[in-house]
Amino acid sequence: MIAHVVTSIDTSDASVKSAAGLVYWVVASAGATGGAWQLNDSTDDGGTDLVSAVSPANSMTFLDFSQAPVKFESGIYADIPGTNVTLTVGYI
């Protein structure tokens, strides 16, 4: 059973969680031009990318890690370089 999952909705660079955590799922939604994004193992934009992708234009993608959550040791930081991607992250 998964513990209570918290969500974070980000449209630009932002701290999702400022401590260690587990990511269970990500929804990436992109507008007209799409764009790249990453989830870094850090409390700022300087850590190791543990999850990354390029979302195509006008798309929505669900990434399910519930069977093997991605472990972030330092923190969870959303790196969204452009202005055209929205990430919704399910984590504890």
N, C-alpha and C. Protein backbone atom coordinates (compact mmCIF):
# COMPACT_ATOMS: atom_id res chain seq x y z
N MET A 1 0.83 -1.17 0.00
CA MET A 1 0.00 0.00 0.00
C MET A 1 0.88 1.25 0.00
N ILE A 2 0.55 2.20 -0.84
CA ILE A 2 1.28 3.46 -0.90
C ILE A 2 0.78 4.38 0.20
N ALA A 3 1.72 5.00 0.90
CA ALA A 3 1.36 6.00 1.91
C ALA A 3 0.68 7.18 1.23
N HIS A 4 0.12 8.06 2.01
CA HIS A 4 -0.53 9.26 1.47
C HIS A 4 0.44 10.02 0.57
N VAL A 5 0.09 10.16 -0.69
CA VAL A 5 0.93 10.84 -1.66
C VAL A 5 0.53 12.31 -1.74
N VAL A 6 1.53 13.17 -1.71
CA VAL A 6 1.34 14.61 -1.84
C VAL A 6 1.60 14.98 -3.29
N THR A 7 0.93 16.00 -3.80
CA THR A 7 1.19 16.44 -5.17
C THR A 7 1.76 17.86 -5.19
N SER A 8 2.55 18.11 -6.20
CA SER A 8 3.12 19.42 -6.46
C SER A 8 2.88 19.74 -7.92
N ILE A 9 2.35 20.91 -8.21
CA ILE A 9 2.11 21.34 -9.59
C ILE A 9 3.04 22.51 -9.87
N ASP A 10 3.92 22.34 -10.87
CA ASP A 10 4.93 23.35 -11.17
C ASP A 10 4.95 23.68 -12.65
N THR A 11 5.07 24.98 -12.94
CA THR A 11 5.16 25.44 -14.33
C THR A 11 6.50 26.10 -14.62
N SER A 12 7.36 26.15 -13.62
CA SER A 12 8.72 26.69 -13.78
C SER A 12 9.59 26.04 -12.71
N ASP A 13 10.89 26.33 -12.72
CA ASP A 13 11.81 25.75 -11.74
C ASP A 13 11.26 25.95 -10.33
N ALA A 14 11.25 24.87 -9.54
CA ALA A 14 10.72 24.97 -8.18
C ALA A 14 11.12 23.76 -7.35
N SER A 15 11.22 23.98 -6.05
CA SER A 15 11.45 22.88 -5.13
C SER A 15 10.13 22.15 -4.93
N VAL A 16 10.14 20.85 -5.20
CA VAL A 16 8.97 20.01 -4.96
C VAL A 16 8.97 19.59 -3.50
N LYS A 17 10.15 19.17 -3.00
CA LYS A 17 10.32 18.77 -1.60
C LYS A 17 11.75 19.09 -1.21
N SER A 18 11.94 19.71 -0.04
CA SER A 18 13.27 20.13 0.38
C SER A 18 13.97 19.12 1.27
N ALA A 19 13.54 17.87 1.18
CA ALA A 19 14.17 16.77 1.93
C ALA A 19 14.07 15.51 1.08
N ALA A 20 14.68 14.44 1.56
CA ALA A 20 14.62 13.17 0.82
C ALA A 20 13.17 12.76 0.60
N GLY A 21 12.93 12.02 -0.49
CA GLY A 21 11.57 11.58 -0.77
C GLY A 21 11.53 10.54 -1.87
N LEU A 22 10.33 10.06 -2.12
CA LEU A 22 10.08 9.07 -3.16
C LEU A 22 9.06 9.64 -4.14
N VAL A 23 9.35 9.53 -5.44
CA VAL A 23 8.40 9.96 -6.47
C VAL A 23 7.68 8.72 -6.99
N TYR A 24 6.35 8.77 -6.92
CA TYR A 24 5.51 7.65 -7.34
C TYR A 24 4.97 7.83 -8.75
N TRP A 25 4.76 9.07 -9.16
CA TRP A 25 4.27 9.32 -10.51
C TRP A 25 4.51 10.77 -10.90
N VAL A 26 4.50 11.00 -12.22
CA VAL A 26 4.64 12.35 -12.78
C VAL A 26 3.68 12.46 -13.95
N VAL A 27 2.97 13.57 -14.02
CA VAL A 27 2.19 13.92 -15.21
C VAL A 27 2.86 15.14 -15.83
N ALA A 28 3.26 15.01 -17.08
CA ALA A 28 3.88 16.12 -17.80
C ALA A 28 2.90 16.56 -18.89
N SER A 29 2.55 17.83 -18.85
CA SER A 29 1.63 18.39 -19.82
C SER A 29 2.35 19.51 -20.55
N ALA A 30 2.28 19.49 -21.89
CA ALA A 30 2.99 20.49 -22.69
C ALA A 30 2.03 21.19 -23.63
N GLY A 31 2.27 22.47 -23.82
CA GLY A 31 1.46 23.27 -24.74
C GLY A 31 2.00 23.22 -26.15
N ALA A 32 1.82 24.29 -26.88
CA ALA A 32 2.06 24.35 -28.32
C ALA A 32 3.47 24.00 -28.77
N THR A 33 4.50 24.26 -27.96
CA THR A 33 5.85 23.98 -28.41
C THR A 33 6.53 22.83 -27.67
N GLY A 34 5.90 22.29 -26.63
CA GLY A 34 6.53 21.21 -25.88
C GLY A 34 7.77 21.70 -25.16
N GLY A 35 8.55 20.77 -24.62
CA GLY A 35 9.77 21.19 -23.96
C GLY A 35 10.38 20.13 -23.07
N ALA A 36 11.62 20.38 -22.69
CA ALA A 36 12.38 19.48 -21.82
C ALA A 36 12.08 19.78 -20.36
N TRP A 37 12.29 18.78 -19.50
CA TRP A 37 12.15 18.96 -18.06
C TRP A 37 12.93 17.86 -17.34
N GLN A 38 13.26 18.12 -16.08
CA GLN A 38 13.98 17.15 -15.27
C GLN A 38 13.50 17.23 -13.82
N LEU A 39 13.66 16.13 -13.09
CA LEU A 39 13.55 16.14 -11.64
C LEU A 39 14.94 15.85 -11.11
N ASN A 40 15.49 16.80 -10.36
CA ASN A 40 16.85 16.70 -9.83
C ASN A 40 16.83 16.22 -8.39
N ASP A 41 17.85 15.44 -8.03
CA ASP A 41 18.05 15.04 -6.64
C ASP A 41 18.82 16.15 -5.95
N SER A 42 18.10 17.20 -5.54
CA SER A 42 18.72 18.35 -4.90
C SER A 42 17.65 19.27 -4.34
N THR A 43 18.09 20.28 -3.63
CA THR A 43 17.17 21.30 -3.12
C THR A 43 17.23 22.56 -3.97
N ASP A 44 18.06 22.52 -5.02
CA ASP A 44 18.16 23.63 -5.96
C ASP A 44 18.34 23.03 -7.35
N ASP A 45 18.80 23.80 -8.29
CA ASP A 45 18.91 23.31 -9.67
C ASP A 45 20.28 22.68 -9.94
N GLY A 46 20.97 22.18 -8.91
CA GLY A 46 22.32 21.71 -9.12
C GLY A 46 22.55 20.23 -8.95
N GLY A 47 21.52 19.44 -8.72
CA GLY A 47 21.72 18.02 -8.44
C GLY A 47 21.70 17.14 -9.67
N THR A 48 21.71 15.86 -9.42
CA THR A 48 21.69 14.85 -10.48
C THR A 48 20.27 14.67 -10.99
N ASP A 49 20.10 14.65 -12.31
CA ASP A 49 18.79 14.38 -12.91
C ASP A 49 18.46 12.90 -12.71
N LEU A 50 17.37 12.61 -12.01
CA LEU A 50 16.94 11.23 -11.83
C LEU A 50 15.80 10.85 -12.77
N VAL A 51 15.01 11.84 -13.16
CA VAL A 51 13.94 11.64 -14.14
C VAL A 51 14.00 12.81 -15.10
N SER A 52 14.01 12.54 -16.40
CA SER A 52 14.02 13.63 -17.38
C SER A 52 13.36 13.17 -18.67
N ALA A 53 12.83 14.14 -19.39
CA ALA A 53 12.17 13.83 -20.66
C ALA A 53 12.01 15.10 -21.46
N VAL A 54 11.64 14.91 -22.71
CA VAL A 54 11.21 16.01 -23.57
C VAL A 54 9.76 15.71 -23.92
N SER A 55 8.87 16.61 -23.53
CA SER A 55 7.45 16.42 -23.81
C SER A 55 7.13 17.03 -25.17
N PRO A 56 6.50 16.26 -26.07
CA PRO A 56 6.15 16.79 -27.37
C PRO A 56 5.05 17.85 -27.26
N ALA A 57 4.94 18.67 -28.27
CA ALA A 57 3.92 19.72 -28.31
C ALA A 57 2.53 19.13 -28.13
N ASN A 58 1.70 19.88 -27.42
CA ASN A 58 0.29 19.52 -27.23
C ASN A 58 0.10 18.09 -26.75
N SER A 59 0.82 17.74 -25.67
CA SER A 59 0.76 16.37 -25.18
C SER A 59 0.58 16.32 -23.67
N MET A 60 0.17 15.15 -23.20
CA MET A 60 0.13 14.87 -21.78
C MET A 60 0.64 13.45 -21.60
N THR A 61 1.60 13.27 -20.68
CA THR A 61 2.21 11.97 -20.45
C THR A 61 2.16 11.63 -18.98
N PHE A 62 1.78 10.39 -18.66
CA PHE A 62 1.75 9.90 -17.28
C PHE A 62 2.89 8.89 -17.11
N LEU A 63 3.78 9.17 -16.17
CA LEU A 63 4.89 8.26 -15.86
C LEU A 63 4.58 7.61 -14.51
N ASP A 64 4.43 6.29 -14.50
CA ASP A 64 4.03 5.55 -13.30
C ASP A 64 5.24 4.83 -12.70
N PHE A 65 5.65 5.28 -11.53
CA PHE A 65 6.76 4.65 -10.81
C PHE A 65 6.27 3.93 -9.56
N SER A 66 4.97 3.67 -9.45
CA SER A 66 4.39 3.14 -8.21
C SER A 66 4.95 1.77 -7.83
N GLN A 67 5.37 0.98 -8.79
CA GLN A 67 5.94 -0.33 -8.48
C GLN A 67 7.39 -0.24 -8.03
N ALA A 68 8.08 0.83 -8.42
CA ALA A 68 9.48 1.05 -8.04
C ALA A 68 9.71 2.56 -7.94
N PRO A 69 9.25 3.19 -6.84
CA PRO A 69 9.39 4.64 -6.71
C PRO A 69 10.83 5.10 -6.86
N VAL A 70 11.00 6.29 -7.43
CA VAL A 70 12.33 6.86 -7.62
C VAL A 70 12.73 7.55 -6.31
N LYS A 71 13.89 7.14 -5.77
CA LYS A 71 14.34 7.65 -4.47
C LYS A 71 15.24 8.87 -4.66
N PHE A 72 14.88 9.96 -4.02
CA PHE A 72 15.65 11.20 -4.03
C PHE A 72 16.27 11.35 -2.64
N GLU A 73 17.58 11.42 -2.57
CA GLU A 73 18.30 11.45 -1.30
C GLU A 73 18.34 12.84 -0.66
N SER A 74 18.48 13.90 -1.46
CA SER A 74 18.66 15.25 -0.93
C SER A 74 17.37 16.06 -0.93
N GLY A 75 16.62 15.98 -1.98
CA GLY A 75 15.40 16.74 -2.18
C GLY A 75 14.90 16.48 -3.57
N ILE A 76 13.72 17.01 -3.88
CA ILE A 76 13.15 16.84 -5.22
C ILE A 76 12.99 18.24 -5.81
N TYR A 77 13.67 18.49 -6.91
CA TYR A 77 13.64 19.81 -7.54
C TYR A 77 13.21 19.68 -8.99
N ALA A 78 12.17 20.41 -9.37
CA ALA A 78 11.68 20.41 -10.75
C ALA A 78 12.43 21.46 -11.56
N ASP A 79 13.12 21.01 -12.59
CA ASP A 79 13.84 21.89 -13.50
C ASP A 79 13.05 21.94 -14.81
N ILE A 80 12.38 23.07 -15.05
CA ILE A 80 11.56 23.25 -16.24
C ILE A 80 12.13 24.47 -16.97
N PRO A 81 13.07 24.24 -17.92
CA PRO A 81 13.78 25.35 -18.54
C PRO A 81 12.90 26.34 -19.32
N GLY A 82 11.85 25.87 -19.95
CA GLY A 82 11.01 26.77 -20.74
C GLY A 82 9.79 27.22 -19.95
N THR A 83 8.79 27.67 -20.68
CA THR A 83 7.56 28.15 -20.04
C THR A 83 6.34 27.39 -20.55
N ASN A 84 6.58 26.24 -21.16
CA ASN A 84 5.50 25.57 -21.85
C ASN A 84 5.17 24.19 -21.29
N VAL A 85 5.74 23.82 -20.13
CA VAL A 85 5.52 22.50 -19.55
C VAL A 85 4.99 22.67 -18.13
N THR A 86 4.02 21.85 -17.78
CA THR A 86 3.52 21.78 -16.41
C THR A 86 3.77 20.37 -15.90
N LEU A 87 4.43 20.26 -14.73
CA LEU A 87 4.66 18.97 -14.10
C LEU A 87 3.79 18.85 -12.86
N THR A 88 3.12 17.73 -12.74
CA THR A 88 2.42 17.38 -11.51
C THR A 88 3.13 16.14 -10.98
N VAL A 89 3.66 16.25 -9.77
CA VAL A 89 4.50 15.19 -9.20
C VAL A 89 3.80 14.61 -7.97
N GLY A 90 3.66 13.29 -7.95
CA GLY A 90 3.12 12.59 -6.78
C GLY A 90 4.28 12.01 -5.99
N TYR A 91 4.40 12.40 -4.74
CA TYR A 91 5.58 12.02 -3.94
C TYR A 91 5.22 11.89 -2.47
N ILE A 92 6.13 11.29 -1.72
CA ILE A 92 6.05 11.31 -0.25
C ILE A 92 7.41 11.70 0.29
